[in-house]
């Protein structure tokens, strides 16, 4: 079973080869993950600033999506050691390498 709960069971060979693609699309899919990755591509944000930057997202959803992206090692979460205990988010090297691939795929889908 994949992390997202998808069960393929006894797939034929074609479906088995497609499973990693499905897993990737499910991991990066959804309304907000692409927006979060795009927002963090050029600069890191503290949580509240990131929430203000992405209008329309609830704090609950932002937290869930950030946790998913941290688990996938696409986003890095850093806590400050000062009194306010702020949390700063930035893209990891993996996240920075994924961004151009997502953009390229988007361009291919737009033109075809």
PDB file of N, CA and C in Angstrom:
ATOM      1  N   UNK A   1       0.852  -1.177   0.000  1.00  0.00           N
ATOM      2  CA  UNK A   1       0.000   0.000   0.000  1.00  0.00           C
ATOM      3  C   UNK A   1       0.898   1.240   0.000  1.00  0.00           C
ATOM      4  N   UNK A   2       0.528   2.215  -0.786  1.00  0.00           N
ATOM      5  CA  UNK A   2       1.263   3.464  -0.832  1.00  0.00           C
ATOM      6  C   UNK A   2       0.845   4.357   0.327  1.00  0.00           C
ATOM      7  N   UNK A   3       1.677   5.371   0.611  1.00  0.00           N
ATOM      8  CA  UNK A   3       1.409   6.283   1.717  1.00  0.00           C
ATOM      9  C   UNK A   3       0.030   6.927   1.619  1.00  0.00           C
ATOM     10  N   UNK A   4      -0.396   7.234   0.396  1.00  0.00           N
ATOM     11  CA  UNK A   4      -1.670   7.925   0.207  1.00  0.00           C
ATOM     12  C   UNK A   4      -2.866   6.983   0.277  1.00  0.00           C
ATOM     13  N   UNK A   5      -2.640   5.679   0.543  1.00  0.00           N
ATOM     14  CA  UNK A   5      -3.730   4.750   0.707  1.00  0.00           C
ATOM     15  C   UNK A   5      -4.125   4.009  -0.556  1.00  0.00           C
ATOM     16  N   UNK A   6      -3.447   4.272  -1.674  1.00  0.00           N
ATOM     17  CA  UNK A   6      -3.786   3.591  -2.920  1.00  0.00           C
ATOM     18  C   UNK A   6      -3.277   2.158  -2.866  1.00  0.00           C
ATOM     19  N   UNK A   7      -4.129   1.218  -3.213  1.00  0.00           N
ATOM     20  CA  UNK A   7      -3.768  -0.188  -3.240  1.00  0.00           C
ATOM     21  C   UNK A   7      -3.932  -0.690  -4.667  1.00  0.00           C
ATOM     22  N   UNK A   8      -2.879  -1.250  -5.217  1.00  0.00           N
ATOM     23  CA  UNK A   8      -2.937  -1.734  -6.588  1.00  0.00           C
ATOM     24  C   UNK A   8      -3.135  -3.241  -6.667  1.00  0.00           C
ATOM     25  N   UNK A   9      -2.860  -3.953  -5.584  1.00  0.00           N
ATOM     26  CA  UNK A   9      -3.067  -5.397  -5.598  1.00  0.00           C
ATOM     27  C   UNK A   9      -2.228  -6.079  -6.659  1.00  0.00           C
ATOM     28  N   UNK A  10      -2.803  -7.070  -7.325  1.00  0.00           N
ATOM     29  CA  UNK A  10      -2.098  -7.810  -8.362  1.00  0.00           C
ATOM     30  C   UNK A  10      -2.289  -7.120  -9.709  1.00  0.00           C
ATOM     31  N   UNK A  11      -1.525  -6.051  -9.917  1.00  0.00           N
ATOM     32  CA  UNK A  11      -1.622  -5.273 -11.156  1.00  0.00           C
ATOM     33  C   UNK A  11      -0.938  -6.025 -12.291  1.00  0.00           C
ATOM     34  N   UNK A  12      -1.382  -5.709 -13.512  1.00  0.00           N
ATOM     35  CA  UNK A  12      -0.614  -6.229 -14.620  1.00  0.00           C
ATOM     36  C   UNK A  12       0.646  -5.383 -14.774  1.00  0.00           C
ATOM     37  N   UNK A  13       1.565  -5.774 -15.641  1.00  0.00           N
ATOM     38  CA  UNK A  13       2.866  -5.125 -15.762  1.00  0.00           C
ATOM     39  C   UNK A  13       2.754  -3.656 -16.145  1.00  0.00           C
ATOM     40  N   UNK A  14       1.834  -3.309 -17.028  1.00  0.00           N
ATOM     41  CA  UNK A  14       1.670  -1.916 -17.450  1.00  0.00           C
ATOM     42  C   UNK A  14       1.275  -1.038 -16.266  1.00  0.00           C
ATOM     43  N   UNK A  15       0.324  -1.500 -15.464  1.00  0.00           N
ATOM     44  CA  UNK A  15      -0.120  -0.730 -14.309  1.00  0.00           C
ATOM     45  C   UNK A  15       0.996  -0.626 -13.286  1.00  0.00           C
ATOM     46  N   UNK A  16       1.751  -1.704 -13.079  1.00  0.00           N
ATOM     47  CA  UNK A  16       2.851  -1.669 -12.122  1.00  0.00           C
ATOM     48  C   UNK A  16       3.892  -0.627 -12.513  1.00  0.00           C
ATOM     49  N   UNK A  17       4.185  -0.503 -13.808  1.00  0.00           N
ATOM     50  CA  UNK A  17       5.147   0.511 -14.248  1.00  0.00           C
ATOM     51  C   UNK A  17       4.583   1.910 -14.054  1.00  0.00           C
ATOM     52  N   UNK A  18       3.285   2.060 -14.107  1.00  0.00           N
ATOM     53  CA  UNK A  18       2.653   3.355 -13.905  1.00  0.00           C
ATOM     54  C   UNK A  18       2.508   3.749 -12.449  1.00  0.00           C
ATOM     55  N   UNK A  19       2.654   2.805 -11.546  1.00  0.00           N
ATOM     56  CA  UNK A  19       2.467   3.085 -10.121  1.00  0.00           C
ATOM     57  C   UNK A  19       3.350   4.224  -9.609  1.00  0.00           C
ATOM     58  N   UNK A  20       4.642   4.292  -9.958  1.00  0.00           N
ATOM     59  CA  UNK A  20       5.451   5.420  -9.484  1.00  0.00           C
ATOM     60  C   UNK A  20       4.945   6.765  -9.995  1.00  0.00           C
ATOM     61  N   UNK A  21       4.423   6.798 -11.207  1.00  0.00           N
ATOM     62  CA  UNK A  21       3.870   8.041 -11.749  1.00  0.00           C
ATOM     63  C   UNK A  21       2.636   8.433 -10.954  1.00  0.00           C
ATOM     64  N   UNK A  22       1.767   7.482 -10.689  1.00  0.00           N
ATOM     65  CA  UNK A  22       0.572   7.763  -9.895  1.00  0.00           C
ATOM     66  C   UNK A  22       0.955   8.243  -8.499  1.00  0.00           C
ATOM     67  N   UNK A  23       1.947   7.601  -7.903  1.00  0.00           N
ATOM     68  CA  UNK A  23       2.383   7.988  -6.561  1.00  0.00           C
ATOM     69  C   UNK A  23       2.937   9.418  -6.574  1.00  0.00           C
ATOM     70  N   UNK A  24       3.696   9.754  -7.601  1.00  0.00           N
ATOM     71  CA  UNK A  24       4.249  11.106  -7.719  1.00  0.00           C
ATOM     72  C   UNK A  24       3.142  12.129  -7.876  1.00  0.00           C
ATOM     73  N   UNK A  25       2.182  11.852  -8.758  1.00  0.00           N
ATOM     74  CA  UNK A  25       1.075  12.782  -8.968  1.00  0.00           C
ATOM     75  C   UNK A  25       0.242  12.957  -7.704  1.00  0.00           C
ATOM     76  N   UNK A  26       0.031  11.889  -6.967  1.00  0.00           N
ATOM     77  CA  UNK A  26      -0.730  11.980  -5.725  1.00  0.00           C
ATOM     78  C   UNK A  26       0.058  12.757  -4.669  1.00  0.00           C
ATOM     79  N   UNK A  27       1.378  12.558  -4.617  1.00  0.00           N
ATOM     80  CA  UNK A  27       2.203  13.235  -3.614  1.00  0.00           C
ATOM     81  C   UNK A  27       2.267  14.735  -3.852  1.00  0.00           C
ATOM     82  N   UNK A  28       2.378  15.145  -5.106  1.00  0.00           N
ATOM     83  CA  UNK A  28       2.523  16.563  -5.431  1.00  0.00           C
ATOM     84  C   UNK A  28       1.214  17.208  -5.846  1.00  0.00           C
ATOM     85  N   UNK A  29       0.175  16.410  -5.973  1.00  0.00           N
ATOM     86  CA  UNK A  29      -1.099  16.926  -6.447  1.00  0.00           C
ATOM     87  C   UNK A  29      -1.838  17.725  -5.399  1.00  0.00           C
ATOM     88  N   UNK A  30      -2.975  18.192  -5.790  1.00  0.00           N
ATOM     89  CA  UNK A  30      -3.794  18.998  -4.898  1.00  0.00           C
ATOM     90  C   UNK A  30      -3.696  20.462  -5.260  1.00  0.00           C
ATOM     91  N   UNK A  31      -4.559  21.225  -4.673  1.00  0.00           N
ATOM     92  CA  UNK A  31      -4.665  22.638  -5.012  1.00  0.00           C
ATOM     93  C   UNK A  31      -3.483  23.456  -4.509  1.00  0.00           C
ATOM     94  N   UNK A  32      -2.907  23.123  -3.380  1.00  0.00           N
ATOM     95  CA  UNK A  32      -1.997  24.041  -2.703  1.00  0.00           C
ATOM     96  C   UNK A  32      -0.524  23.710  -2.799  1.00  0.00           C
ATOM     97  N   UNK A  33      -0.146  22.463  -3.012  1.00  0.00           N
ATOM     98  CA  UNK A  33       1.284  22.113  -2.972  1.00  0.00           C
ATOM     99  C   UNK A  33       2.082  22.834  -4.046  1.00  0.00           C
ATOM    100  N   UNK A  34       1.552  22.921  -5.236  1.00  0.00           N
ATOM    101  CA  UNK A  34       2.246  23.647  -6.296  1.00  0.00           C
ATOM    102  C   UNK A  34       2.392  25.116  -5.973  1.00  0.00           C
ATOM    103  N   UNK A  35       1.368  25.699  -5.375  1.00  0.00           N
ATOM    104  CA  UNK A  35       1.413  27.112  -4.992  1.00  0.00           C
ATOM    105  C   UNK A  35       2.449  27.323  -3.891  1.00  0.00           C
ATOM    106  N   UNK A  36       2.509  26.419  -2.946  1.00  0.00           N
ATOM    107  CA  UNK A  36       3.487  26.528  -1.862  1.00  0.00           C
ATOM    108  C   UNK A  36       4.900  26.411  -2.427  1.00  0.00           C
ATOM    109  N   UNK A  37       5.141  25.429  -3.289  1.00  0.00           N
ATOM    110  CA  UNK A  37       6.465  25.249  -3.885  1.00  0.00           C
ATOM    111  C   UNK A  37       6.864  26.488  -4.682  1.00  0.00           C
ATOM    112  N   UNK A  38       5.935  27.014  -5.467  1.00  0.00           N
ATOM    113  CA  UNK A  38       6.211  28.215  -6.265  1.00  0.00           C
ATOM    114  C   UNK A  38       6.535  29.407  -5.367  1.00  0.00           C
ATOM    115  N   UNK A  39       5.787  29.572  -4.296  1.00  0.00           N
ATOM    116  CA  UNK A  39       6.005  30.692  -3.378  1.00  0.00           C
ATOM    117  C   UNK A  39       7.368  30.597  -2.704  1.00  0.00           C
ATOM    118  N   UNK A  40       7.775  29.389  -2.340  1.00  0.00           N
ATOM    119  CA  UNK A  40       9.047  29.207  -1.636  1.00  0.00           C
ATOM    120  C   UNK A  40      10.256  29.131  -2.573  1.00  0.00           C
ATOM    121  N   UNK A  41      10.018  29.109  -3.884  1.00  0.00           N
ATOM    122  CA  UNK A  41      11.133  28.915  -4.823  1.00  0.00           C
ATOM    123  C   UNK A  41      12.175  30.029  -4.728  1.00  0.00           C
ATOM    124  N   UNK A  42      11.762  31.264  -4.636  1.00  0.00           N
ATOM    125  CA  UNK A  42      12.713  32.379  -4.632  1.00  0.00           C
ATOM    126  C   UNK A  42      13.147  32.843  -3.250  1.00  0.00           C
ATOM    127  N   UNK A  43      12.366  32.546  -2.233  1.00  0.00           N
ATOM    128  CA  UNK A  43      12.745  32.973  -0.885  1.00  0.00           C
ATOM    129  C   UNK A  43      12.047  32.127   0.175  1.00  0.00           C
ATOM    130  N   UNK A  44      12.675  32.097   1.340  1.00  0.00           N
ATOM    131  CA  UNK A  44      12.100  31.405   2.492  1.00  0.00           C
ATOM    132  C   UNK A  44      11.096  32.328   3.165  1.00  0.00           C
ATOM    133  N   UNK A  45      10.144  31.733   3.863  1.00  0.00           N
ATOM    134  CA  UNK A  45       9.112  32.494   4.568  1.00  0.00           C
ATOM    135  C   UNK A  45       8.922  31.926   5.965  1.00  0.00           C
ATOM    136  N   UNK A  46       8.659  32.835   6.904  1.00  0.00           N
ATOM    137  CA  UNK A  46       8.152  32.391   8.192  1.00  0.00           C
ATOM    138  C   UNK A  46       6.688  32.016   7.991  1.00  0.00           C
ATOM    139  N   UNK A  47       6.170  31.159   8.863  1.00  0.00           N
ATOM    140  CA  UNK A  47       4.833  30.596   8.680  1.00  0.00           C
ATOM    141  C   UNK A  47       3.769  31.674   8.456  1.00  0.00           C
ATOM    142  N   UNK A  48       3.703  32.670   9.325  1.00  0.00           N
ATOM    143  CA  UNK A  48       2.651  33.686   9.198  1.00  0.00           C
ATOM    144  C   UNK A  48       2.773  34.478   7.901  1.00  0.00           C
ATOM    145  N   UNK A  49       3.987  34.789   7.499  1.00  0.00           N
ATOM    146  CA  UNK A  49       4.194  35.514   6.239  1.00  0.00           C
ATOM    147  C   UNK A  49       3.777  34.642   5.055  1.00  0.00           C
ATOM    148  N   UNK A  50       4.075  33.358   5.125  1.00  0.00           N
ATOM    149  CA  UNK A  50       3.677  32.437   4.062  1.00  0.00           C
ATOM    150  C   UNK A  50       2.152  32.365   3.986  1.00  0.00           C
ATOM    151  N   UNK A  51       1.496  32.309   5.135  1.00  0.00           N
ATOM    152  CA  UNK A  51       0.041  32.269   5.161  1.00  0.00           C
ATOM    153  C   UNK A  51      -0.554  33.535   4.543  1.00  0.00           C
ATOM    154  N   UNK A  52       0.039  34.686   4.839  1.00  0.00           N
ATOM    155  CA  UNK A  52      -0.433  35.942   4.251  1.00  0.00           C
ATOM    156  C   UNK A  52      -0.176  35.979   2.739  1.00  0.00           C
ATOM    157  N   UNK A  53       0.931  35.406   2.308  1.00  0.00           N
ATOM    158  CA  UNK A  53       1.312  35.435   0.884  1.00  0.00           C
ATOM    159  C   UNK A  53       0.374  34.586   0.028  1.00  0.00           C
ATOM    160  N   UNK A  54      -0.128  33.494   0.582  1.00  0.00           N
ATOM    161  CA  UNK A  54      -1.003  32.580  -0.166  1.00  0.00           C
ATOM    162  C   UNK A  54      -2.443  32.849   0.272  1.00  0.00           C
ATOM    163  N   UNK A  55      -3.101  33.730  -0.436  1.00  0.00           N
ATOM    164  CA  UNK A  55      -4.463  34.079  -0.037  1.00  0.00           C
ATOM    165  C   UNK A  55      -5.418  32.927  -0.328  1.00  0.00           C
ATOM    166  N   UNK A  56      -6.352  32.732   0.580  1.00  0.00           N
ATOM    167  CA  UNK A  56      -7.380  31.718   0.400  1.00  0.00           C
ATOM    168  C   UNK A  56      -7.098  30.392   1.068  1.00  0.00           C
ATOM    169  N   UNK A  57      -5.893  30.182   1.563  1.00  0.00           N
ATOM    170  CA  UNK A  57      -5.575  28.915   2.218  1.00  0.00           C
ATOM    171  C   UNK A  57      -5.803  29.060   3.723  1.00  0.00           C
ATOM    172  N   UNK A  58      -6.409  28.046   4.303  1.00  0.00           N
ATOM    173  CA  UNK A  58      -6.616  28.077   5.752  1.00  0.00           C
ATOM    174  C   UNK A  58      -5.319  27.659   6.446  1.00  0.00           C
ATOM    175  N   UNK A  59      -5.196  28.024   7.684  1.00  0.00           N
ATOM    176  CA  UNK A  59      -3.999  27.639   8.450  1.00  0.00           C
ATOM    177  C   UNK A  59      -3.898  26.118   8.579  1.00  0.00           C
ATOM    178  N   UNK A  60      -5.027  25.466   8.755  1.00  0.00           N
ATOM    179  CA  UNK A  60      -5.036  24.001   8.888  1.00  0.00           C
ATOM    180  C   UNK A  60      -4.502  23.343   7.625  1.00  0.00           C
ATOM    181  N   UNK A  61      -4.993  23.765   6.477  1.00  0.00           N
ATOM    182  CA  UNK A  61      -4.561  23.174   5.208  1.00  0.00           C
ATOM    183  C   UNK A  61      -3.096  23.512   4.941  1.00  0.00           C
ATOM    184  N   UNK A  62      -2.692  24.758   5.212  1.00  0.00           N
ATOM    185  CA  UNK A  62      -1.294  25.135   5.019  1.00  0.00           C
ATOM    186  C   UNK A  62      -0.385  24.248   5.858  1.00  0.00           C
ATOM    187  N   UNK A  63      -0.746  24.041   7.101  1.00  0.00           N
ATOM    188  CA  UNK A  63       0.059  23.190   7.980  1.00  0.00           C
ATOM    189  C   UNK A  63       0.122  21.762   7.459  1.00  0.00           C
ATOM    190  N   UNK A  64      -1.013  21.207   7.048  1.00  0.00           N
ATOM    191  CA  UNK A  64      -1.044  19.840   6.517  1.00  0.00           C
ATOM    192  C   UNK A  64      -0.174  19.714   5.266  1.00  0.00           C
ATOM    193  N   UNK A  65      -0.324  20.666   4.345  1.00  0.00           N
ATOM    194  CA  UNK A  65       0.433  20.611   3.089  1.00  0.00           C
ATOM    195  C   UNK A  65       1.928  20.791   3.347  1.00  0.00           C
ATOM    196  N   UNK A  66       2.288  21.692   4.240  1.00  0.00           N
ATOM    197  CA  UNK A  66       3.697  21.871   4.586  1.00  0.00           C
ATOM    198  C   UNK A  66       4.267  20.611   5.220  1.00  0.00           C
ATOM    199  N   UNK A  67       3.511  19.972   6.100  1.00  0.00           N
ATOM    200  CA  UNK A  67       3.980  18.735   6.721  1.00  0.00           C
ATOM    201  C   UNK A  67       4.202  17.648   5.675  1.00  0.00           C
ATOM    202  N   UNK A  68       3.290  17.541   4.707  1.00  0.00           N
ATOM    203  CA  UNK A  68       3.471  16.567   3.618  1.00  0.00           C
ATOM    204  C   UNK A  68       4.747  16.863   2.836  1.00  0.00           C
ATOM    205  N   UNK A  69       4.964  18.139   2.509  1.00  0.00           N
ATOM    206  CA  UNK A  69       6.141  18.522   1.729  1.00  0.00           C
ATOM    207  C   UNK A  69       7.430  18.342   2.530  1.00  0.00           C
ATOM    208  N   UNK A  70       7.374  18.536   3.841  1.00  0.00           N
ATOM    209  CA  UNK A  70       8.534  18.274   4.693  1.00  0.00           C
ATOM    210  C   UNK A  70       8.826  16.774   4.696  1.00  0.00           C
ATOM    211  N   UNK A  71       7.784  15.952   4.826  1.00  0.00           N
ATOM    212  CA  UNK A  71       7.947  14.494   4.804  1.00  0.00           C
ATOM    213  C   UNK A  71       8.566  14.018   3.486  1.00  0.00           C
ATOM    214  N   UNK A  72       8.210  14.683   2.388  1.00  0.00           N
ATOM    215  CA  UNK A  72       8.758  14.334   1.069  1.00  0.00           C
ATOM    216  C   UNK A  72      10.141  14.932   0.838  1.00  0.00           C
ATOM    217  N   UNK A  73      10.649  15.662   1.813  1.00  0.00           N
ATOM    218  CA  UNK A  73      11.950  16.334   1.752  1.00  0.00           C
ATOM    219  C   UNK A  73      12.025  17.351   0.610  1.00  0.00           C
ATOM    220  N   UNK A  74      10.900  18.002   0.358  1.00  0.00           N
ATOM    221  CA  UNK A  74      10.826  19.057  -0.641  1.00  0.00           C
ATOM    222  C   UNK A  74      10.938  20.415   0.040  1.00  0.00           C
ATOM    223  N   UNK A  75      10.423  20.506   1.259  1.00  0.00           N
ATOM    224  CA  UNK A  75      10.460  21.735   2.044  1.00  0.00           C
ATOM    225  C   UNK A  75      11.222  21.456   3.337  1.00  0.00           C
ATOM    226  N   UNK A  76      12.007  22.449   3.746  1.00  0.00           N
ATOM    227  CA  UNK A  76      12.753  22.364   5.001  1.00  0.00           C
ATOM    228  C   UNK A  76      12.064  23.243   6.037  1.00  0.00           C
ATOM    229  N   UNK A  77      11.905  22.723   7.244  1.00  0.00           N
ATOM    230  CA  UNK A  77      11.287  23.435   8.359  1.00  0.00           C
ATOM    231  C   UNK A  77      12.363  23.729   9.393  1.00  0.00           C
ATOM    232  N   UNK A  78      12.521  25.016   9.725  1.00  0.00           N
ATOM    233  CA  UNK A  78      13.528  25.416  10.708  1.00  0.00           C
ATOM    234  C   UNK A  78      12.873  26.258  11.792  1.00  0.00           C
ATOM    235  N   UNK A  79      13.087  25.882  13.040  1.00  0.00           N
ATOM    236  CA  UNK A  79      12.587  26.668  14.164  1.00  0.00           C
ATOM    237  C   UNK A  79      13.681  27.603  14.645  1.00  0.00           C
ATOM    238  N   UNK A  80      13.294  28.836  14.961  1.00  0.00           N
ATOM    239  CA  UNK A  80      14.263  29.775  15.517  1.00  0.00           C
ATOM    240  C   UNK A  80      14.461  29.463  16.998  1.00  0.00           C
ATOM    241  N   UNK A  81      15.574  29.873  17.532  1.00  0.00           N
ATOM    242  CA  UNK A  81      15.872  29.608  18.945  1.00  0.00           C
ATOM    243  C   UNK A  81      15.589  30.801  19.842  1.00  0.00           C
ATOM    244  N   UNK A  82      14.882  31.767  19.327  1.00  0.00           N
ATOM    245  CA  UNK A  82      14.592  32.946  20.137  1.00  0.00           C
ATOM    246  C   UNK A  82      13.295  32.771  20.922  1.00  0.00           C
ATOM    247  N   UNK A  83      12.916  33.801  21.619  1.00  0.00           N
ATOM    248  CA  UNK A  83      11.748  33.761  22.489  1.00  0.00           C
ATOM    249  C   UNK A  83      10.448  33.467  21.740  1.00  0.00           C
ATOM    250  N   UNK A  84      10.309  33.990  20.522  1.00  0.00           N
ATOM    251  CA  UNK A  84       9.047  33.846  19.799  1.00  0.00           C
ATOM    252  C   UNK A  84       8.868  32.489  19.134  1.00  0.00           C
ATOM    253  N   UNK A  85       9.924  31.712  19.005  1.00  0.00           N
ATOM    254  CA  UNK A  85       9.860  30.374  18.399  1.00  0.00           C
ATOM    255  C   UNK A  85       9.174  30.384  17.032  1.00  0.00           C
ATOM    256  N   UNK A  86       9.666  31.206  16.139  1.00  0.00           N
ATOM    257  CA  UNK A  86       9.115  31.260  14.789  1.00  0.00           C
ATOM    258  C   UNK A  86       9.581  30.054  13.995  1.00  0.00           C
ATOM    259  N   UNK A  87       8.783  29.686  12.977  1.00  0.00           N
ATOM    260  CA  UNK A  87       9.129  28.580  12.098  1.00  0.00           C
ATOM    261  C   UNK A  87       9.301  29.133  10.694  1.00  0.00           C
ATOM    262  N   UNK A  88      10.433  28.812  10.096  1.00  0.00           N
ATOM    263  CA  UNK A  88      10.762  29.290   8.751  1.00  0.00           C
ATOM    264  C   UNK A  88      10.762  28.106   7.792  1.00  0.00           C
ATOM    265  N   UNK A  89      10.163  28.318   6.614  1.00  0.00           N
ATOM    266  CA  UNK A  89      10.091  27.279   5.598  1.00  0.00           C
ATOM    267  C   UNK A  89      10.849  27.714   4.352  1.00  0.00           C
ATOM    268  N   UNK A  90      11.558  26.766   3.758  1.00  0.00           N
ATOM    269  CA  UNK A  90      12.279  27.022   2.514  1.00  0.00           C
ATOM    270  C   UNK A  90      12.309  25.725   1.711  1.00  0.00           C
ATOM    271  N   UNK A  91      12.634  25.846   0.435  1.00  0.00           N
ATOM    272  CA  UNK A  91      12.765  24.647  -0.390  1.00  0.00           C
ATOM    273  C   UNK A  91      14.111  23.999  -0.137  1.00  0.00           C
ATOM    274  N   UNK A  92      14.117  22.688  -0.123  1.00  0.00           N
ATOM    275  CA  UNK A  92      15.365  21.938  -0.068  1.00  0.00           C
ATOM    276  C   UNK A  92      15.958  21.895  -1.477  1.00  0.00           C
ATOM    277  N   UNK A  93      17.131  21.311  -1.603  1.00  0.00           N
ATOM    278  CA  UNK A  93      17.709  21.129  -2.947  1.00  0.00           C
ATOM    279  C   UNK A  93      16.783  20.281  -3.810  1.00  0.00           C
ATOM    280  N   UNK A  94      16.171  19.281  -3.209  1.00  0.00           N
ATOM    281  CA  UNK A  94      15.213  18.447  -3.938  1.00  0.00           C
ATOM    282  C   UNK A  94      14.046  19.296  -4.438  1.00  0.00           C
ATOM    283  N   UNK A  95      13.535  20.155  -3.569  1.00  0.00           N
ATOM    284  CA  UNK A  95      12.436  21.032  -3.942  1.00  0.00           C
ATOM    285  C   UNK A  95      12.815  21.977  -5.067  1.00  0.00           C
ATOM    286  N   UNK A  96      14.023  22.525  -4.994  1.00  0.00           N
ATOM    287  CA  UNK A  96      14.490  23.435  -6.042  1.00  0.00           C
ATOM    288  C   UNK A  96      14.689  22.707  -7.369  1.00  0.00           C
ATOM    289  N   UNK A  97      15.049  21.435  -7.307  1.00  0.00           N
ATOM    290  CA  UNK A  97      15.231  20.677  -8.553  1.00  0.00           C
ATOM    291  C   UNK A  97      13.892  20.229  -9.142  1.00  0.00           C
ATOM    292  N   UNK A  98      12.870  20.078  -8.319  1.00  0.00           N
ATOM    293  CA  UNK A  98      11.543  19.671  -8.791  1.00  0.00           C
ATOM    294  C   UNK A  98      10.822  20.820  -9.490  1.00  0.00           C
ATOM    295  N   UNK A  99      11.026  22.031  -9.009  1.00  0.00           N
ATOM    296  CA  UNK A  99      10.302  23.189  -9.537  1.00  0.00           C
ATOM    297  C   UNK A  99      10.426  23.338 -11.061  1.00  0.00           C
ATOM    298  N   UNK A 100      11.623  23.308 -11.643  1.00  0.00           N
ATOM    299  CA  UNK A 100      11.709  23.432 -13.105  1.00  0.00           C
ATOM    300  C   UNK A 100      11.023  22.280 -13.841  1.00  0.00           C
ATOM    301  N   UNK A 101      11.052  21.101 -13.264  1.00  0.00           N
ATOM    302  CA  UNK A 101      10.387  19.950 -13.892  1.00  0.00           C
ATOM    303  C   UNK A 101       8.879  20.153 -13.931  1.00  0.00           C
ATOM    304  N   UNK A 102       8.331  20.672 -12.843  1.00  0.00           N
ATOM    305  CA  UNK A 102       6.895  20.942 -12.794  1.00  0.00           C
ATOM    306  C   UNK A 102       6.531  22.008 -13.823  1.00  0.00           C
ATOM    307  N   UNK A 103       7.348  23.054 -13.906  1.00  0.00           N
ATOM    308  CA  UNK A 103       7.093  24.120 -14.884  1.00  0.00           C
ATOM    309  C   UNK A 103       7.167  23.597 -16.317  1.00  0.00           C
ATOM    310  N   UNK A 104       8.162  22.755 -16.586  1.00  0.00           N
ATOM    311  CA  UNK A 104       8.299  22.197 -17.929  1.00  0.00           C
ATOM    312  C   UNK A 104       7.088  21.331 -18.282  1.00  0.00           C
ATOM    313  N   UNK A 105       6.653  20.515 -17.353  1.00  0.00           N
ATOM    314  CA  UNK A 105       5.475  19.692 -17.587  1.00  0.00           C
ATOM    315  C   UNK A 105       4.244  20.561 -17.829  1.00  0.00           C
ATOM    316  N   UNK A 106       4.106  21.631 -17.067  1.00  0.00           N
ATOM    317  CA  UNK A 106       2.969  22.545 -17.255  1.00  0.00           C
ATOM    318  C   UNK A 106       2.995  23.162 -18.657  1.00  0.00           C
ATOM    319  N   UNK A 107       4.188  23.526 -19.141  1.00  0.00           N
ATOM    320  CA  UNK A 107       4.300  24.111 -20.481  1.00  0.00           C
ATOM    321  C   UNK A 107       3.935  23.094 -21.557  1.00  0.00           C
ATOM    322  N   UNK A 108       4.362  21.863 -21.391  1.00  0.00           N
ATOM    323  CA  UNK A 108       4.027  20.816 -22.358  1.00  0.00           C
ATOM    324  C   UNK A 108       2.522  20.604 -22.399  1.00  0.00           C
ATOM    325  N   UNK A 109       1.891  20.576 -21.235  1.00  0.00           N
ATOM    326  CA  UNK A 109       0.441  20.364 -21.181  1.00  0.00           C
ATOM    327  C   UNK A 109      -0.324  21.551 -21.756  1.00  0.00           C
ATOM    328  N   UNK A 110       0.215  22.761 -21.616  1.00  0.00           N
ATOM    329  CA  UNK A 110      -0.446  23.950 -22.183  1.00  0.00           C
ATOM    330  C   UNK A 110      -0.396  23.949 -23.706  1.00  0.00           C
ATOM    331  N   UNK A 111       0.727  23.539 -24.266  1.00  0.00           N
ATOM    332  CA  UNK A 111       0.911  23.644 -25.715  1.00  0.00           C
ATOM    333  C   UNK A 111       0.328  22.457 -26.475  1.00  0.00           C
ATOM    334  N   UNK A 112       0.068  21.377 -25.816  1.00  0.00           N
ATOM    335  CA  UNK A 112      -0.446  20.190 -26.521  1.00  0.00           C
ATOM    336  C   UNK A 112      -1.866  19.911 -26.178  1.00  0.00           C
TER     337      UNK A 112
END
